[in-house]
Amino acid sequence: MANIKKGDLVQVISGPTQARGGDRGKQGKVIEVLKAEDRVVVEGVNFVTKHVRVGQTQRGTKTGGIETHEAPIHVSNVQLVDPKSKKPTRVGFREDKVTKDGVTKTVRVRYAKKSGEDL
């Protein structure tokens, strides 16, 4: 079961600080999870510039130039943010009983463990 999923709020926990031009400490939503490469794409983090060749659409408008977009970051460099304290926290799993149509099923559920000051 995955610790981080699409739509989660995460914080970058490694790399250069923001004062040095890096992304450590930034928070953003997960746009995409690349499971095979163990990477995630986070909104507003790890921008790269891409040079796109000039072309034309069918209407005749020009496309291309220099674009910036988010690049993937390794999943070990981000940490899930606790929704209550808005601080990075570890992820735990517990088994809950779910009853649907008279059938009781055991499912695994993610939850945010206590973060630093909440202990």
C-alpha atoms as a PDB file:
ATOM      1  CA  MET A   1       0.000   0.000   0.000  1.00  0.00           C
ATOM      2  CA  ALA A   2       1.336   3.432  -0.931  1.00  0.00           C
ATOM      3  CA  ASN A   3       2.250   6.079   1.647  1.00  0.00           C
ATOM      4  CA  ILE A   4       1.718   8.953  -0.785  1.00  0.00           C
ATOM      5  CA  LYS A   5      -1.151   9.174  -3.259  1.00  0.00           C
ATOM      6  CA  LYS A   6      -2.350  11.656  -5.870  1.00  0.00           C
ATOM      7  CA  GLY A   7      -3.985  14.684  -4.240  1.00  0.00           C
ATOM      8  CA  ASP A   8      -2.075  14.427  -0.932  1.00  0.00           C
ATOM      9  CA  LEU A   9      -0.474  17.495   0.622  1.00  0.00           C
ATOM     10  CA  VAL A  10       3.271  16.865   1.018  1.00  0.00           C
ATOM     11  CA  GLN A  11       6.345  18.814   2.137  1.00  0.00           C
ATOM     12  CA  VAL A  12       9.859  18.607   0.675  1.00  0.00           C
ATOM     13  CA  ILE A  13      12.225  17.463   3.433  1.00  0.00           C
ATOM     14  CA  SER A  14      15.605  17.362   1.660  1.00  0.00           C
ATOM     15  CA  GLY A  15      17.732  19.388  -0.736  1.00  0.00           C
ATOM     16  CA  PRO A  16      18.852  23.005  -0.574  1.00  0.00           C
ATOM     17  CA  THR A  17      16.858  25.428   1.573  1.00  0.00           C
ATOM     18  CA  GLN A  18      14.691  28.118   0.010  1.00  0.00           C
ATOM     19  CA  ALA A  19      17.267  30.749   1.030  1.00  0.00           C
ATOM     20  CA  ARG A  20      19.785  28.982  -1.239  1.00  0.00           C
ATOM     21  CA  GLY A  21      17.344  28.671  -4.127  1.00  0.00           C
ATOM     22  CA  GLY A  22      16.091  25.168  -3.337  1.00  0.00           C
ATOM     23  CA  ASP A  23      12.711  23.695  -2.473  1.00  0.00           C
ATOM     24  CA  ARG A  24      13.182  22.314   1.066  1.00  0.00           C
ATOM     25  CA  GLY A  25      10.253  23.296   3.280  1.00  0.00           C
ATOM     26  CA  LYS A  26       7.831  23.941   0.416  1.00  0.00           C
ATOM     27  CA  GLN A  27       4.408  22.300   0.553  1.00  0.00           C
ATOM     28  CA  GLY A  28       2.260  21.313  -2.404  1.00  0.00           C
ATOM     29  CA  LYS A  29      -0.297  18.836  -3.712  1.00  0.00           C
ATOM     30  CA  VAL A  30       0.795  15.666  -5.486  1.00  0.00           C
ATOM     31  CA  ILE A  31      -0.140  15.960  -9.172  1.00  0.00           C
ATOM     32  CA  GLU A  32       1.107  12.560 -10.302  1.00  0.00           C
ATOM     33  CA  VAL A  33       2.687   9.430  -8.804  1.00  0.00           C
ATOM     34  CA  LEU A  34       5.233   7.552 -10.943  1.00  0.00           C
ATOM     35  CA  LYS A  35       5.182   4.203  -9.169  1.00  0.00           C
ATOM     36  CA  ALA A  36       7.738   2.425 -11.367  1.00  0.00           C
ATOM     37  CA  GLU A  37      10.412   5.092 -10.755  1.00  0.00           C
ATOM     38  CA  ASP A  38       9.463   5.805  -7.081  1.00  0.00           C
ATOM     39  CA  ARG A  39       8.890   9.472  -7.929  1.00  0.00           C
ATOM     40  CA  VAL A  40       6.127  12.032  -7.468  1.00  0.00           C
ATOM     41  CA  VAL A  41       5.306  15.302  -9.239  1.00  0.00           C
ATOM     42  CA  VAL A  42       4.444  18.030  -6.713  1.00  0.00           C
ATOM     43  CA  GLU A  43       2.642  21.263  -7.583  1.00  0.00           C
ATOM     44  CA  GLY A  44       4.961  24.288  -7.355  1.00  0.00           C
ATOM     45  CA  VAL A  45       8.129  22.276  -6.605  1.00  0.00           C
ATOM     46  CA  ASN A  46      11.206  21.370  -8.722  1.00  0.00           C
ATOM     47  CA  PHE A  47      10.596  23.593 -11.740  1.00  0.00           C
ATOM     48  CA  VAL A  48      12.653  22.906 -14.861  1.00  0.00           C
ATOM     49  CA  THR A  49      12.844  24.811 -18.145  1.00  0.00           C
ATOM     50  CA  LYS A  50      12.103  22.964 -21.349  1.00  0.00           C
ATOM     51  CA  HIS A  51      12.871  24.270 -24.821  1.00  0.00           C
ATOM     52  CA  VAL A  52      10.047  23.330 -27.177  1.00  0.00           C
ATOM     53  CA  ARG A  53      10.447  23.516 -30.945  1.00  0.00           C
ATOM     54  CA  VAL A  54       8.267  26.124 -32.656  1.00  0.00           C
ATOM     55  CA  GLY A  55       5.298  24.647 -34.494  1.00  0.00           C
ATOM     56  CA  GLN A  56       1.836  25.593 -35.627  1.00  0.00           C
ATOM     57  CA  THR A  57      -1.601  24.419 -34.603  1.00  0.00           C
ATOM     58  CA  GLN A  58      -4.344  23.863 -37.168  1.00  0.00           C
ATOM     59  CA  ARG A  59      -5.681  27.361 -36.532  1.00  0.00           C
ATOM     60  CA  GLY A  60      -2.305  28.866 -37.395  1.00  0.00           C
ATOM     61  CA  THR A  61      -1.215  29.971 -33.920  1.00  0.00           C
ATOM     62  CA  LYS A  62       2.436  29.494 -33.065  1.00  0.00           C
ATOM     63  CA  THR A  63       3.476  27.127 -30.281  1.00  0.00           C
ATOM     64  CA  GLY A  64       6.822  26.459 -28.673  1.00  0.00           C
ATOM     65  CA  GLY A  65       9.493  28.493 -26.948  1.00  0.00           C
ATOM     66  CA  ILE A  66      10.767  28.123 -23.389  1.00  0.00           C
ATOM     67  CA  GLU A  67       8.312  26.502 -20.980  1.00  0.00           C
ATOM     68  CA  THR A  68       8.642  25.786 -17.269  1.00  0.00           C
ATOM     69  CA  HIS A  69       6.922  22.878 -15.569  1.00  0.00           C
ATOM     70  CA  GLU A  70       7.307  20.612 -12.547  1.00  0.00           C
ATOM     71  CA  ALA A  71       9.730  17.694 -12.762  1.00  0.00           C
ATOM     72  CA  PRO A  72       9.459  14.490 -10.700  1.00  0.00           C
ATOM     73  CA  ILE A  73      11.101  14.310  -7.273  1.00  0.00           C
ATOM     74  CA  HIS A  74      12.033  11.100  -5.450  1.00  0.00           C
ATOM     75  CA  VAL A  75       9.381   9.878  -3.024  1.00  0.00           C
ATOM     76  CA  SER A  76      11.940   9.666  -0.181  1.00  0.00           C
ATOM     77  CA  ASN A  77      12.467  13.436  -0.380  1.00  0.00           C
ATOM     78  CA  VAL A  78       8.845  14.303   0.475  1.00  0.00           C
ATOM     79  CA  GLN A  79       6.753  13.655   3.573  1.00  0.00           C
ATOM     80  CA  LEU A  80       2.996  13.655   4.072  1.00  0.00           C
ATOM     81  CA  VAL A  81       1.592  16.715   5.894  1.00  0.00           C
ATOM     82  CA  ASP A  82      -0.718  16.179   8.883  1.00  0.00           C
ATOM     83  CA  PRO A  83      -4.076  17.836   8.044  1.00  0.00           C
ATOM     84  CA  LYS A  84      -4.555  19.083  11.629  1.00  0.00           C
ATOM     85  CA  SER A  85      -1.143  20.550  12.513  1.00  0.00           C
ATOM     86  CA  LYS A  86       0.005  21.307   8.923  1.00  0.00           C
ATOM     87  CA  LYS A  87       3.401  19.779   9.760  1.00  0.00           C
ATOM     88  CA  PRO A  88       5.174  16.848   8.079  1.00  0.00           C
ATOM     89  CA  THR A  89       4.367  13.540   9.728  1.00  0.00           C
ATOM     90  CA  ARG A  90       4.856   9.806   9.325  1.00  0.00           C
ATOM     91  CA  VAL A  91       2.185   7.549   7.857  1.00  0.00           C
ATOM     92  CA  GLY A  92       0.679   4.566   9.628  1.00  0.00           C
ATOM     93  CA  PHE A  93      -1.776   1.868   8.601  1.00  0.00           C
ATOM     94  CA  ARG A  94      -4.528   0.312  10.665  1.00  0.00           C
ATOM     95  CA  GLU A  95      -7.235  -2.196   9.909  1.00  0.00           C
ATOM     96  CA  ASP A  96     -10.844  -1.040  10.164  1.00  0.00           C
ATOM     97  CA  LYS A  97     -14.047  -2.993   9.807  1.00  0.00           C
ATOM     98  CA  VAL A  98     -16.354  -1.711   7.064  1.00  0.00           C
ATOM     99  CA  THR A  99     -19.931  -2.928   6.710  1.00  0.00           C
ATOM    100  CA  LYS A 100     -21.544  -2.631   3.296  1.00  0.00           C
ATOM    101  CA  ASP A 101     -24.795  -4.364   2.307  1.00  0.00           C
ATOM    102  CA  GLY A 102     -24.670  -6.516   5.434  1.00  0.00           C
ATOM    103  CA  VAL A 103     -21.141  -7.799   4.677  1.00  0.00           C
ATOM    104  CA  THR A 104     -18.348  -6.904   7.110  1.00  0.00           C
ATOM    105  CA  LYS A 105     -14.949  -6.474   5.512  1.00  0.00           C
ATOM    106  CA  THR A 106     -11.523  -5.663   6.968  1.00  0.00           C
ATOM    107  CA  VAL A 107      -9.686  -2.905   5.049  1.00  0.00           C
ATOM    108  CA  ARG A 108      -6.368  -1.151   5.594  1.00  0.00           C
ATOM    109  CA  VAL A 109      -6.637   2.605   6.165  1.00  0.00           C
ATOM    110  CA  ARG A 110      -3.876   5.251   6.132  1.00  0.00           C
ATOM    111  CA  TYR A 111      -3.610   7.704   9.005  1.00  0.00           C
ATOM    112  CA  ALA A 112      -1.204  10.471  10.002  1.00  0.00           C
ATOM    113  CA  LYS A 113       0.827   9.623  13.081  1.00  0.00           C
ATOM    114  CA  LYS A 114       1.432  12.290  15.727  1.00  0.00           C
ATOM    115  CA  SER A 115       3.852  14.979  14.531  1.00  0.00           C
ATOM    116  CA  GLY A 116       6.632  16.554  16.637  1.00  0.00           C
ATOM    117  CA  GLU A 117       4.743  18.966  18.925  1.00  0.00           C
ATOM    118  CA  ASP A 118       1.605  16.821  19.234  1.00  0.00           C
ATOM    119  CA  LEU A 119       3.349  14.104  21.248  1.00  0.00           C
END
